Every structure is written in C-alpha cells, then in structure tokens.
PDB file of all heavy atoms in Angstrom:
ATOM      1  N   ALA A   1       7.022  62.657 -18.049  1.00  0.00           N
ATOM      2  CA  ALA A   1       7.890  62.799 -16.859  1.00  0.00           C
ATOM      3  C   ALA A   1       8.570  64.152 -16.881  1.00  0.00           C
ATOM      4  O   ALA A   1       8.700  64.798 -15.854  1.00  0.00           O
ATOM      5  CB  ALA A   1       8.919  61.666 -16.836  1.00  0.00           C
ATOM      6  N   LYS A   2       8.978  64.559 -18.090  1.00  0.00           N
ATOM      7  CA  LYS A   2       9.603  65.919 -18.174  1.00  0.00           C
ATOM      8  C   LYS A   2       8.642  67.006 -17.924  1.00  0.00           C
ATOM      9  O   LYS A   2       8.926  67.981 -17.214  1.00  0.00           O
ATOM     10  CB  LYS A   2      10.229  66.051 -19.605  1.00  0.00           C
ATOM     11  CG  LYS A   2      10.874  67.361 -19.883  1.00  0.00           C
ATOM     12  CD  LYS A   2      11.474  67.413 -21.268  1.00  0.00           C
ATOM     13  CE  LYS A   2      11.840  68.869 -21.624  1.00  0.00           C
ATOM     14  NZ  LYS A   2      12.826  69.435 -20.661  1.00  0.00           N
ATOM     15  N   SER A   3       7.469  66.915 -18.522  1.00  0.00           N
ATOM     16  CA  SER A   3       6.450  67.993 -18.373  1.00  0.00           C
ATOM     17  C   SER A   3       5.986  68.161 -16.929  1.00  0.00           C
ATOM     18  O   SER A   3       5.632  69.248 -16.438  1.00  0.00           O
ATOM     19  CB  SER A   3       5.270  67.744 -19.287  1.00  0.00           C
ATOM     20  OG  SER A   3       4.538  66.626 -18.899  1.00  0.00           O
ATOM     21  N   GLN A   4       5.931  67.035 -16.188  1.00  0.00           N
ATOM     22  CA  GLN A   4       5.471  67.085 -14.795  1.00  0.00           C
ATOM     23  C   GLN A   4       6.609  67.002 -13.809  1.00  0.00           C
ATOM     24  O   GLN A   4       6.377  66.936 -12.602  1.00  0.00           O
ATOM     25  CB  GLN A   4       4.527  65.855 -14.563  1.00  0.00           C
ATOM     26  CG  GLN A   4       3.280  65.923 -15.383  1.00  0.00           C
ATOM     27  CD  GLN A   4       2.289  64.804 -15.078  1.00  0.00           C
ATOM     28  OE1 GLN A   4       2.265  64.278 -13.991  1.00  0.00           O
ATOM     29  NE2 GLN A   4       1.478  64.463 -16.089  1.00  0.00           N
ATOM     30  N   ASN A   5       7.851  67.053 -14.337  1.00  0.00           N
ATOM     31  CA  ASN A   5       9.018  67.076 -13.469  1.00  0.00           C
ATOM     32  C   ASN A   5       9.026  65.876 -12.475  1.00  0.00           C
ATOM     33  O   ASN A   5       9.293  66.061 -11.281  1.00  0.00           O
ATOM     34  CB  ASN A   5       9.131  68.396 -12.736  1.00  0.00           C
ATOM     35  CG  ASN A   5      10.561  68.576 -12.113  1.00  0.00           C
ATOM     36  OD1 ASN A   5      11.523  68.079 -12.643  1.00  0.00           O
ATOM     37  ND2 ASN A   5      10.589  69.320 -11.010  1.00  0.00           N
ATOM     38  N   ASP A   6       8.691  64.731 -13.023  1.00  0.00           N
ATOM     39  CA  ASP A   6       8.555  63.504 -12.148  1.00  0.00           C
ATOM     40  C   ASP A   6       9.180  62.312 -12.842  1.00  0.00           C
ATOM     41  O   ASP A   6       8.554  61.597 -13.555  1.00  0.00           O
ATOM     42  CB  ASP A   6       7.032  63.278 -11.901  1.00  0.00           C
ATOM     43  CG  ASP A   6       6.792  62.051 -11.005  1.00  0.00           C
ATOM     44  OD1 ASP A   6       7.788  61.520 -10.419  1.00  0.00           O
ATOM     45  OD2 ASP A   6       5.597  61.704 -10.826  1.00  0.00           O
ATOM     46  N   PRO A   7      10.441  62.030 -12.492  1.00  0.00           N
ATOM     47  CA  PRO A   7      11.117  60.883 -13.085  1.00  0.00           C
ATOM     48  C   PRO A   7      10.431  59.572 -12.758  1.00  0.00           C
ATOM     49  O   PRO A   7      10.494  58.620 -13.510  1.00  0.00           O
ATOM     50  CB  PRO A   7      12.524  60.925 -12.414  1.00  0.00           C
ATOM     51  CG  PRO A   7      12.729  62.297 -11.989  1.00  0.00           C
ATOM     52  CD  PRO A   7      11.341  62.798 -11.626  1.00  0.00           C
ATOM     53  N   GLY A   8       9.791  59.520 -11.593  1.00  0.00           N
ATOM     54  CA  GLY A   8       9.065  58.294 -11.219  1.00  0.00           C
ATOM     55  C   GLY A   8       7.972  57.912 -12.203  1.00  0.00           C
ATOM     56  O   GLY A   8       7.637  56.725 -12.293  1.00  0.00           O
ATOM     57  N   LEU A   9       7.438  58.933 -12.923  1.00  0.00           N
ATOM     58  CA  LEU A   9       6.341  58.563 -13.843  1.00  0.00           C
ATOM     59  C   LEU A   9       6.848  57.688 -14.976  1.00  0.00           C
ATOM     60  O   LEU A   9       6.196  56.744 -15.330  1.00  0.00           O
ATOM     61  CB  LEU A   9       5.824  59.908 -14.432  1.00  0.00           C
ATOM     62  CG  LEU A   9       4.508  59.886 -15.161  1.00  0.00           C
ATOM     63  CD1 LEU A   9       3.762  61.231 -15.029  1.00  0.00           C
ATOM     64  CD2 LEU A   9       4.676  59.502 -16.616  1.00  0.00           C
ATOM     65  N   ALA A  10       8.034  57.956 -15.511  1.00  0.00           N
ATOM     66  CA  ALA A  10       8.583  57.192 -16.552  1.00  0.00           C
ATOM     67  C   ALA A  10       8.843  55.747 -16.095  1.00  0.00           C
ATOM     68  O   ALA A  10       8.577  54.748 -16.753  1.00  0.00           O
ATOM     69  CB  ALA A  10       9.849  57.828 -17.119  1.00  0.00           C
ATOM     70  N   LYS A  11       9.389  55.659 -14.900  1.00  0.00           N
ATOM     71  CA  LYS A  11       9.749  54.374 -14.357  1.00  0.00           C
ATOM     72  C   LYS A  11       8.474  53.517 -14.044  1.00  0.00           C
ATOM     73  O   LYS A  11       8.462  52.275 -14.234  1.00  0.00           O
ATOM     74  CB  LYS A  11      10.580  54.501 -13.061  1.00  0.00           C
ATOM     75  CG  LYS A  11      11.958  55.101 -13.329  1.00  0.00           C
ATOM     76  CD  LYS A  11      12.748  55.327 -12.137  1.00  0.00           C
ATOM     77  CE  LYS A  11      14.117  55.978 -12.486  1.00  0.00           C
ATOM     78  NZ  LYS A  11      14.947  56.319 -11.298  1.00  0.00           N
ATOM     79  N   SER A  12       7.394  54.176 -13.659  1.00  0.00           N
ATOM     80  CA  SER A  12       6.144  53.468 -13.409  1.00  0.00           C
ATOM     81  C   SER A  12       5.551  52.889 -14.715  1.00  0.00           C
ATOM     82  O   SER A  12       4.990  51.826 -14.768  1.00  0.00           O
ATOM     83  CB  SER A  12       5.103  54.336 -12.741  1.00  0.00           C
ATOM     84  OG  SER A  12       4.610  55.401 -13.619  1.00  0.00           O
ATOM     85  N   GLN A  13       5.765  53.684 -15.824  1.00  0.00           N
ATOM     86  CA  GLN A  13       5.361  53.187 -17.111  1.00  0.00           C
ATOM     87  C   GLN A  13       6.122  51.982 -17.598  1.00  0.00           C
ATOM     88  O   GLN A  13       5.595  51.099 -18.257  1.00  0.00           O
ATOM     89  CB  GLN A  13       5.394  54.315 -18.133  1.00  0.00           C
ATOM     90  CG  GLN A  13       4.452  55.455 -17.896  1.00  0.00           C
ATOM     91  CD  GLN A  13       3.009  54.962 -17.739  1.00  0.00           C
ATOM     92  OE1 GLN A  13       2.458  54.326 -18.633  1.00  0.00           O
ATOM     93  NE2 GLN A  13       2.440  55.214 -16.574  1.00  0.00           N
ATOM     94  N   VAL A  14       7.373  51.962 -17.230  1.00  0.00           N
ATOM     95  CA  VAL A  14       8.222  50.748 -17.552  1.00  0.00           C
ATOM     96  C   VAL A  14       7.649  49.509 -16.859  1.00  0.00           C
ATOM     97  O   VAL A  14       7.562  48.431 -17.408  1.00  0.00           O
ATOM     98  CB  VAL A  14       9.689  50.998 -17.143  1.00  0.00           C
ATOM     99  CG1 VAL A  14      10.522  49.687 -17.303  1.00  0.00           C
ATOM    100  CG2 VAL A  14      10.314  52.135 -17.951  1.00  0.00           C
ATOM    101  N   GLU A  15       7.226  49.713 -15.598  1.00  0.00           N
ATOM    102  CA  GLU A  15       6.626  48.569 -14.830  1.00  0.00           C
ATOM    103  C   GLU A  15       5.347  48.103 -15.476  1.00  0.00           C
ATOM    104  O   GLU A  15       5.076  46.914 -15.604  1.00  0.00           O
ATOM    105  CB  GLU A  15       6.357  49.074 -13.425  1.00  0.00           C
ATOM    106  CG  GLU A  15       7.648  49.299 -12.578  1.00  0.00           C
ATOM    107  CD  GLU A  15       7.342  49.888 -11.234  1.00  0.00           C
ATOM    108  OE1 GLU A  15       6.107  50.051 -10.928  1.00  0.00           O
ATOM    109  OE2 GLU A  15       8.295  50.188 -10.490  1.00  0.00           O
ATOM    110  N   HIS A  16       4.531  49.065 -15.970  1.00  0.00           N
ATOM    111  CA  HIS A  16       3.296  48.683 -16.675  1.00  0.00           C
ATOM    112  C   HIS A  16       3.642  47.932 -17.985  1.00  0.00           C
ATOM    113  O   HIS A  16       2.936  46.985 -18.302  1.00  0.00           O
ATOM    114  CB  HIS A  16       2.471  49.949 -16.964  1.00  0.00           C
ATOM    115  CG  HIS A  16       1.757  50.511 -15.803  1.00  0.00           C
ATOM    116  ND1 HIS A  16       0.881  49.782 -15.046  1.00  0.00           N
ATOM    117  CD2 HIS A  16       1.833  51.711 -15.225  1.00  0.00           C
ATOM    118  CE1 HIS A  16       0.394  50.521 -14.079  1.00  0.00           C
ATOM    119  NE2 HIS A  16       0.959  51.750 -14.174  1.00  0.00           N
ATOM    120  N   MET A  17       4.654  48.386 -18.657  1.00  0.00           N
ATOM    121  CA  MET A  17       5.051  47.707 -19.924  1.00  0.00           C
ATOM    122  C   MET A  17       5.473  46.250 -19.601  1.00  0.00           C
ATOM    123  O   MET A  17       5.224  45.320 -20.363  1.00  0.00           O
ATOM    124  CB  MET A  17       6.157  48.435 -20.650  1.00  0.00           C
ATOM    125  CG  MET A  17       5.565  49.718 -21.346  1.00  0.00           C
ATOM    126  SD  MET A  17       6.728  51.057 -21.736  1.00  0.00           S
ATOM    127  CE  MET A  17       8.158  50.236 -22.333  1.00  0.00           C
ATOM    128  N   GLY A  18       6.170  46.107 -18.496  1.00  0.00           N
ATOM    129  CA  GLY A  18       6.611  44.760 -18.069  1.00  0.00           C
ATOM    130  C   GLY A  18       5.425  43.863 -17.792  1.00  0.00           C
ATOM    131  O   GLY A  18       5.423  42.707 -18.182  1.00  0.00           O
ATOM    132  N   ALA A  19       4.400  44.415 -17.097  1.00  0.00           N
ATOM    133  CA  ALA A  19       3.223  43.638 -16.774  1.00  0.00           C
ATOM    134  C   ALA A  19       2.470  43.287 -18.059  1.00  0.00           C
ATOM    135  O   ALA A  19       1.944  42.181 -18.191  1.00  0.00           O
ATOM    136  CB  ALA A  19       2.319  44.438 -15.809  1.00  0.00           C
ATOM    137  N   TYR A  20       2.458  44.181 -19.030  1.00  0.00           N
ATOM    138  CA  TYR A  20       1.800  43.927 -20.290  1.00  0.00           C
ATOM    139  C   TYR A  20       2.443  42.747 -21.055  1.00  0.00           C
ATOM    140  O   TYR A  20       1.813  41.897 -21.557  1.00  0.00           O
ATOM    141  CB  TYR A  20       1.757  45.200 -21.148  1.00  0.00           C
ATOM    142  CG  TYR A  20       1.170  44.975 -22.485  1.00  0.00           C
ATOM    143  CD1 TYR A  20      -0.210  44.849 -22.644  1.00  0.00           C
ATOM    144  CD2 TYR A  20       1.935  44.889 -23.634  1.00  0.00           C
ATOM    145  CE1 TYR A  20      -0.760  44.602 -23.933  1.00  0.00           C
ATOM    146  CE2 TYR A  20       1.389  44.731 -24.917  1.00  0.00           C
ATOM    147  CZ  TYR A  20       0.050  44.579 -25.022  1.00  0.00           C
ATOM    148  OH  TYR A  20      -0.521  44.378 -26.257  1.00  0.00           O
ATOM    149  N   LEU A  21       3.788  42.805 -21.069  1.00  0.00           N
ATOM    150  CA  LEU A  21       4.549  41.747 -21.736  1.00  0.00           C
ATOM    151  C   LEU A  21       4.317  40.396 -21.074  1.00  0.00           C
ATOM    152  O   LEU A  21       4.359  39.370 -21.763  1.00  0.00           O
ATOM    153  CB  LEU A  21       5.984  42.136 -21.849  1.00  0.00           C
ATOM    154  CG  LEU A  21       6.351  43.294 -22.787  1.00  0.00           C
ATOM    155  CD1 LEU A  21       7.852  43.502 -22.809  1.00  0.00           C
ATOM    156  CD2 LEU A  21       5.848  43.017 -24.235  1.00  0.00           C
ATOM    157  N   LYS A  22       4.240  40.422 -19.796  1.00  0.00           N
ATOM    158  CA  LYS A  22       3.957  39.131 -19.086  1.00  0.00           C
ATOM    159  C   LYS A  22       2.704  38.541 -19.542  1.00  0.00           C
ATOM    160  O   LYS A  22       2.556  37.262 -19.620  1.00  0.00           O
ATOM    161  CB  LYS A  22       3.926  39.389 -17.564  1.00  0.00           C
ATOM    162  CG  LYS A  22       5.288  39.601 -16.920  1.00  0.00           C
ATOM    163  CD  LYS A  22       5.130  39.725 -15.390  1.00  0.00           C
ATOM    164  CE  LYS A  22       6.537  39.961 -14.807  1.00  0.00           C
ATOM    165  NZ  LYS A  22       6.416  40.145 -13.295  1.00  0.00           N
ATOM    166  N   GLY A  23       1.713  39.347 -19.932  1.00  0.00           N
ATOM    167  CA  GLY A  23       0.459  38.794 -20.476  1.00  0.00           C
ATOM    168  C   GLY A  23       0.570  38.214 -21.856  1.00  0.00           C
ATOM    169  O   GLY A  23      -0.337  37.536 -22.317  1.00  0.00           O
ATOM    170  N   LEU A  24       1.697  38.460 -22.491  1.00  0.00           N
ATOM    171  CA  LEU A  24       1.966  37.940 -23.791  1.00  0.00           C
ATOM    172  C   LEU A  24       2.914  36.750 -23.813  1.00  0.00           C
ATOM    173  O   LEU A  24       3.324  36.245 -24.886  1.00  0.00           O
ATOM    174  CB  LEU A  24       2.573  38.998 -24.746  1.00  0.00           C
ATOM    175  CG  LEU A  24       1.755  40.283 -24.924  1.00  0.00           C
ATOM    176  CD1 LEU A  24       2.508  41.300 -25.827  1.00  0.00           C
ATOM    177  CD2 LEU A  24       0.408  39.927 -25.621  1.00  0.00           C
ATOM    178  N   LYS A  25       3.199  36.198 -22.661  1.00  0.00           N
ATOM    179  CA  LYS A  25       4.095  35.061 -22.544  1.00  0.00           C
ATOM    180  C   LYS A  25       3.467  33.823 -23.125  1.00  0.00           C
ATOM    181  O   LYS A  25       2.271  33.625 -23.133  1.00  0.00           O
ATOM    182  CB  LYS A  25       4.410  34.827 -21.028  1.00  0.00           C
ATOM    183  CG  LYS A  25       5.372  35.853 -20.430  1.00  0.00           C
ATOM    184  CD  LYS A  25       5.902  35.432 -19.052  1.00  0.00           C
ATOM    185  CE  LYS A  25       6.938  34.350 -19.254  1.00  0.00           C
ATOM    186  NZ  LYS A  25       7.680  34.059 -18.046  1.00  0.00           N
TER     187      LYS A  25
END
C-alpha cells in the first residue's frame, strides 16, 4: 500500500484475510 500509494490495497487484503478465516470456521 505504501509503495503503490494506495491505502485501499491494505484494506482489501484485510477483507481477503477475513474470507480466509471464514473458511476455517
């Protein structure tokens, strides 16, 4: 996110992490 000057990139990865954890429920 820092290298590409795109805060949305970090937030999108958080969403992916959330989806991944749902698969571990």
